[in-house]
Every structure is written in structure tokens, then in C-alpha cells.
Amino acid sequence: MKEVKVRNKVKISRINNGNLTQTQLAKQVGVTRQTMNLIESEKYNPSIKICLLICRELDQPLNQLFWLED
């Protein structure tokens, strides 16, 4: 089976959305800053719940922030 990666634009959206820091967004979502850093650097695949919370905080649809790449 081919490896599929989860890609995201969380960092760009976070900066464009009031220039939030990783710490601020992490607190709003309920994760640590370290976890937010791993999500933004695509080294950690968050649960769908965390993805949806990030989308809500950044006022972006899921498919704008997260997608699959072959």
C-alpha cells in the first residue's frame, strides 16, 4: 500500500488569522505548544477532533487546512 501523508496549512492560517502564536492557538484548542509545533511541521497527525477544533478557531473549512497527499 502506498504511503499517504497528511499535509496542512495551519501555520499560514494561524499567522494570517490575527497573527496568533502557537501557544495561543494551542491553548484555544486544548493541546500543548509542542503538539501544535509538531502538527504544523507535519510530524504528528492530529485526531479529527483536534483538526476540527483548529478549523473552528481559525475559521477555515477542514479541506482548506488539511488534505491527503500521495
N, C-alpha and C. Protein backbone atom coordinates (compact mmCIF):
# COMPACT_ATOMS: atom_id res chain seq x y z
N MET A 1 0.84 -1.19 0.00
CA MET A 1 0.00 0.00 0.00
C MET A 1 0.89 1.25 0.00
N LYS A 2 0.51 2.20 -0.80
CA LYS A 2 1.24 3.46 -0.95
C LYS A 2 1.09 4.33 0.30
N GLU A 3 2.18 4.96 0.72
CA GLU A 3 2.12 5.84 1.88
C GLU A 3 1.40 7.14 1.51
N VAL A 4 0.47 7.53 2.36
CA VAL A 4 -0.28 8.77 2.17
C VAL A 4 0.05 9.68 3.34
N LYS A 5 0.42 10.91 3.04
CA LYS A 5 0.76 11.87 4.09
C LYS A 5 -0.35 12.88 4.28
N VAL A 6 -0.51 13.31 5.52
CA VAL A 6 -1.45 14.38 5.84
C VAL A 6 -0.67 15.69 5.79
N ARG A 7 -1.11 16.59 4.96
CA ARG A 7 -0.48 17.92 4.82
C ARG A 7 -1.40 18.96 5.44
N ASN A 8 -0.84 20.12 5.79
CA ASN A 8 -1.70 21.16 6.37
C ASN A 8 -1.13 22.55 6.12
N LYS A 9 -2.01 23.53 6.29
CA LYS A 9 -1.66 24.95 6.17
C LYS A 9 -1.98 25.67 7.48
N VAL A 10 -1.81 24.97 8.60
CA VAL A 10 -2.18 25.54 9.89
C VAL A 10 -1.32 26.77 10.21
N LYS A 11 -0.02 26.67 10.01
CA LYS A 11 0.86 27.80 10.35
C LYS A 11 0.50 29.05 9.56
N ILE A 12 0.33 28.91 8.27
CA ILE A 12 -0.01 30.06 7.42
C ILE A 12 -1.34 30.67 7.86
N SER A 13 -2.32 29.83 8.10
CA SER A 13 -3.63 30.31 8.52
C SER A 13 -3.56 30.96 9.90
N ARG A 14 -2.80 30.38 10.79
CA ARG A 14 -2.65 30.94 12.15
C ARG A 14 -2.05 32.34 12.08
N ILE A 15 -1.03 32.52 11.28
CA ILE A 15 -0.37 33.82 11.15
C ILE A 15 -1.30 34.83 10.48
N ASN A 16 -2.04 34.38 9.46
CA ASN A 16 -2.96 35.27 8.76
C ASN A 16 -4.20 35.60 9.57
N ASN A 17 -4.48 34.80 10.59
CA ASN A 17 -5.67 34.98 11.41
C ASN A 17 -5.30 35.72 12.69
N GLY A 18 -4.99 36.97 12.59
CA GLY A 18 -4.68 37.79 13.75
C GLY A 18 -3.29 37.56 14.31
N ASN A 19 -2.42 36.93 13.53
CA ASN A 19 -1.05 36.68 13.94
C ASN A 19 -0.98 35.95 15.28
N LEU A 20 -1.80 34.91 15.44
CA LEU A 20 -1.79 34.11 16.65
C LEU A 20 -0.46 33.39 16.80
N THR A 21 -0.02 33.22 18.04
CA THR A 21 1.18 32.43 18.29
C THR A 21 0.77 30.95 18.40
N GLN A 22 1.74 30.07 18.32
CA GLN A 22 1.47 28.65 18.52
C GLN A 22 0.87 28.43 19.90
N THR A 23 1.40 29.12 20.89
CA THR A 23 0.91 28.98 22.27
C THR A 23 -0.55 29.38 22.37
N GLN A 24 -0.92 30.50 21.76
CA GLN A 24 -2.30 30.97 21.82
C GLN A 24 -3.25 29.97 21.16
N LEU A 25 -2.91 29.52 19.96
CA LEU A 25 -3.78 28.57 19.27
C LEU A 25 -3.84 27.25 20.03
N ALA A 26 -2.72 26.79 20.52
CA ALA A 26 -2.69 25.54 21.27
C ALA A 26 -3.61 25.62 22.49
N LYS A 27 -3.56 26.73 23.20
CA LYS A 27 -4.42 26.92 24.38
C LYS A 27 -5.89 26.90 23.99
N GLN A 28 -6.24 27.58 22.90
CA GLN A 28 -7.63 27.63 22.43
C GLN A 28 -8.13 26.24 22.03
N VAL A 29 -7.24 25.41 21.50
CA VAL A 29 -7.61 24.09 21.02
C VAL A 29 -7.54 23.04 22.12
N GLY A 30 -6.71 23.30 23.15
CA GLY A 30 -6.57 22.36 24.25
C GLY A 30 -5.43 21.37 24.10
N VAL A 31 -4.37 21.80 23.41
CA VAL A 31 -3.16 20.98 23.27
C VAL A 31 -1.97 21.82 23.74
N THR A 32 -0.81 21.19 23.82
CA THR A 32 0.39 21.93 24.21
C THR A 32 0.98 22.65 23.00
N ARG A 33 1.84 23.63 23.28
CA ARG A 33 2.52 24.32 22.19
C ARG A 33 3.39 23.35 21.40
N GLN A 34 3.98 22.39 22.11
CA GLN A 34 4.82 21.39 21.44
C GLN A 34 4.01 20.56 20.45
N THR A 35 2.79 20.19 20.85
CA THR A 35 1.92 19.44 19.95
C THR A 35 1.56 20.27 18.74
N MET A 36 1.24 21.55 18.95
CA MET A 36 0.91 22.43 17.82
C MET A 36 2.11 22.56 16.88
N ASN A 37 3.31 22.64 17.44
CA ASN A 37 4.51 22.71 16.61
C ASN A 37 4.65 21.45 15.77
N LEU A 38 4.41 20.28 16.35
CA LEU A 38 4.50 19.02 15.60
C LEU A 38 3.44 18.93 14.51
N ILE A 39 2.23 19.44 14.79
CA ILE A 39 1.16 19.44 13.78
C ILE A 39 1.58 20.33 12.61
N GLU A 40 2.04 21.54 12.91
CA GLU A 40 2.42 22.48 11.86
C GLU A 40 3.59 21.97 11.02
N SER A 41 4.50 21.22 11.64
CA SER A 41 5.65 20.71 10.90
C SER A 41 5.37 19.33 10.28
N GLU A 42 4.11 18.91 10.37
CA GLU A 42 3.63 17.65 9.77
C GLU A 42 4.38 16.43 10.29
N LYS A 43 4.77 16.49 11.57
CA LYS A 43 5.42 15.37 12.22
C LYS A 43 4.46 14.61 13.14
N TYR A 44 3.23 15.09 13.23
CA TYR A 44 2.21 14.48 14.07
C TYR A 44 0.87 14.63 13.36
N ASN A 45 0.14 13.54 13.26
CA ASN A 45 -1.20 13.59 12.66
C ASN A 45 -2.23 13.71 13.78
N PRO A 46 -2.86 14.86 13.89
CA PRO A 46 -3.83 15.04 14.97
C PRO A 46 -5.11 14.25 14.71
N SER A 47 -5.85 14.03 15.78
CA SER A 47 -7.15 13.37 15.65
C SER A 47 -8.09 14.29 14.87
N ILE A 48 -9.16 13.72 14.38
CA ILE A 48 -10.15 14.53 13.65
C ILE A 48 -10.74 15.60 14.57
N LYS A 49 -10.87 15.28 15.85
CA LYS A 49 -11.40 16.26 16.81
C LYS A 49 -10.47 17.48 16.88
N ILE A 50 -9.16 17.24 16.99
CA ILE A 50 -8.20 18.35 17.06
C ILE A 50 -8.21 19.13 15.74
N CYS A 51 -8.28 18.42 14.62
CA CYS A 51 -8.35 19.10 13.32
C CYS A 51 -9.56 20.03 13.26
N LEU A 52 -10.71 19.53 13.70
CA LEU A 52 -11.93 20.33 13.65
C LEU A 52 -11.86 21.51 14.61
N LEU A 53 -11.26 21.32 15.78
CA LEU A 53 -11.10 22.44 16.72
C LEU A 53 -10.18 23.51 16.14
N ILE A 54 -9.12 23.10 15.49
CA ILE A 54 -8.21 24.06 14.84
C ILE A 54 -8.97 24.82 13.75
N CYS A 55 -9.73 24.10 12.95
CA CYS A 55 -10.52 24.74 11.89
C CYS A 55 -11.49 25.76 12.46
N ARG A 56 -12.14 25.39 13.55
CA ARG A 56 -13.10 26.32 14.17
C ARG A 56 -12.39 27.58 14.67
N GLU A 57 -11.25 27.40 15.34
CA GLU A 57 -10.52 28.56 15.87
C GLU A 57 -9.98 29.46 14.77
N LEU A 58 -9.60 28.87 13.65
CA LEU A 58 -9.04 29.65 12.53
C LEU A 58 -10.09 30.03 11.50
N ASP A 59 -11.34 29.63 11.76
CA ASP A 59 -12.46 29.94 10.87
C ASP A 59 -12.17 29.52 9.43
N GLN A 60 -11.72 28.26 9.29
CA GLN A 60 -11.40 27.70 7.97
C GLN A 60 -12.07 26.34 7.83
N PRO A 61 -12.51 25.98 6.63
CA PRO A 61 -13.06 24.64 6.42
C PRO A 61 -11.94 23.59 6.49
N LEU A 62 -12.31 22.39 6.87
CA LEU A 62 -11.36 21.30 7.05
C LEU A 62 -10.49 21.09 5.81
N ASN A 63 -11.10 21.06 4.63
CA ASN A 63 -10.32 20.78 3.41
C ASN A 63 -9.41 21.93 3.00
N GLN A 64 -9.53 23.09 3.63
CA GLN A 64 -8.59 24.19 3.36
C GLN A 64 -7.33 24.07 4.21
N LEU A 65 -7.46 23.46 5.39
CA LEU A 65 -6.33 23.35 6.30
C LEU A 65 -5.61 22.00 6.25
N PHE A 66 -6.37 20.94 5.96
CA PHE A 66 -5.80 19.58 5.97
C PHE A 66 -6.19 18.85 4.70
N TRP A 67 -5.23 18.09 4.13
CA TRP A 67 -5.53 17.27 2.96
C TRP A 67 -4.55 16.11 2.91
N LEU A 68 -4.89 15.11 2.11
CA LEU A 68 -4.04 13.94 1.92
C LEU A 68 -3.21 14.12 0.66
N GLU A 69 -1.96 13.66 0.74
CA GLU A 69 -1.07 13.73 -0.42
C GLU A 69 -0.40 12.38 -0.60
N ASP A 70 -0.45 11.86 -1.83
CA ASP A 70 0.18 10.56 -2.13
C ASP A 70 1.67 10.71 -2.23
